[in-house]
């Protein structure tokens, strides 16, 4: 149903994209710096 409304669809895509980017950065930081580095970097958000 939601896909019938372009505005709702666009909003959903953008929101999903932003969440994916944040998750990607978190995973990237975990891989590069370890869990301690991720906890330290939370101040930047």
C-alpha atoms as a PDB file:
ATOM      1  CA  UNK A   1       0.000   0.000   0.000  1.00  0.00           C
ATOM      2  CA  UNK A   2       2.738   2.428   0.962  1.00  0.00           C
ATOM      3  CA  UNK A   3       4.415   1.983  -2.401  1.00  0.00           C
ATOM      4  CA  UNK A   4       1.451   3.693  -4.063  1.00  0.00           C
ATOM      5  CA  UNK A   5       2.563   6.977  -2.481  1.00  0.00           C
ATOM      6  CA  UNK A   6       5.891   8.179  -3.982  1.00  0.00           C
ATOM      7  CA  UNK A   7       6.567  10.533  -1.075  1.00  0.00           C
ATOM      8  CA  UNK A   8       6.241   7.790   1.550  1.00  0.00           C
ATOM      9  CA  UNK A   9       8.349   5.457  -0.557  1.00  0.00           C
ATOM     10  CA  UNK A  10      11.088   8.058  -0.964  1.00  0.00           C
ATOM     11  CA  UNK A  11      11.074   8.797   2.773  1.00  0.00           C
ATOM     12  CA  UNK A  12      11.344   5.083   3.542  1.00  0.00           C
ATOM     13  CA  UNK A  13      14.234   4.644   1.122  1.00  0.00           C
ATOM     14  CA  UNK A  14      16.127   7.632   2.549  1.00  0.00           C
ATOM     15  CA  UNK A  15      15.555   6.491   6.137  1.00  0.00           C
ATOM     16  CA  UNK A  16      16.666   2.955   5.331  1.00  0.00           C
ATOM     17  CA  UNK A  17      19.716   4.323   3.502  1.00  0.00           C
ATOM     18  CA  UNK A  18      20.721   6.519   6.461  1.00  0.00           C
ATOM     19  CA  UNK A  19      20.320   3.658   8.935  1.00  0.00           C
ATOM     20  CA  UNK A  20      22.372   1.393   6.688  1.00  0.00           C
ATOM     21  CA  UNK A  21      25.157   3.993   6.490  1.00  0.00           C
ATOM     22  CA  UNK A  22      25.259   4.368  10.291  1.00  0.00           C
ATOM     23  CA  UNK A  23      25.311   0.593  10.748  1.00  0.00           C
ATOM     24  CA  UNK A  24      28.060   0.327   8.150  1.00  0.00           C
ATOM     25  CA  UNK A  25      30.204   2.883   9.983  1.00  0.00           C
ATOM     26  CA  UNK A  26      29.641   1.074  13.294  1.00  0.00           C
ATOM     27  CA  UNK A  27      30.692  -2.258  11.811  1.00  0.00           C
ATOM     28  CA  UNK A  28      33.668  -0.597  10.129  1.00  0.00           C
ATOM     29  CA  UNK A  29      34.800   0.937  13.430  1.00  0.00           C
ATOM     30  CA  UNK A  30      34.390  -2.387  15.238  1.00  0.00           C
ATOM     31  CA  UNK A  31      36.560  -4.108  12.642  1.00  0.00           C
ATOM     32  CA  UNK A  32      39.225  -1.386  12.588  1.00  0.00           C
ATOM     33  CA  UNK A  33      39.404  -0.218  16.204  1.00  0.00           C
ATOM     34  CA  UNK A  34      37.667  -2.908  18.213  1.00  0.00           C
ATOM     35  CA  UNK A  35      34.765  -2.447  20.588  1.00  0.00           C
ATOM     36  CA  UNK A  36      36.638   0.015  22.821  1.00  0.00           C
ATOM     37  CA  UNK A  37      37.225   2.354  19.881  1.00  0.00           C
ATOM     38  CA  UNK A  38      33.532   2.299  18.974  1.00  0.00           C
ATOM     39  CA  UNK A  39      32.510   3.185  22.530  1.00  0.00           C
ATOM     40  CA  UNK A  40      35.006   6.067  22.499  1.00  0.00           C
ATOM     41  CA  UNK A  41      33.771   7.348  19.122  1.00  0.00           C
ATOM     42  CA  UNK A  42      30.136   7.594  20.230  1.00  0.00           C
ATOM     43  CA  UNK A  43      30.828  11.171  21.368  1.00  0.00           C
ATOM     44  CA  UNK A  44      31.012  12.240  17.707  1.00  0.00           C
ATOM     45  CA  UNK A  45      27.369  11.332  17.062  1.00  0.00           C
END
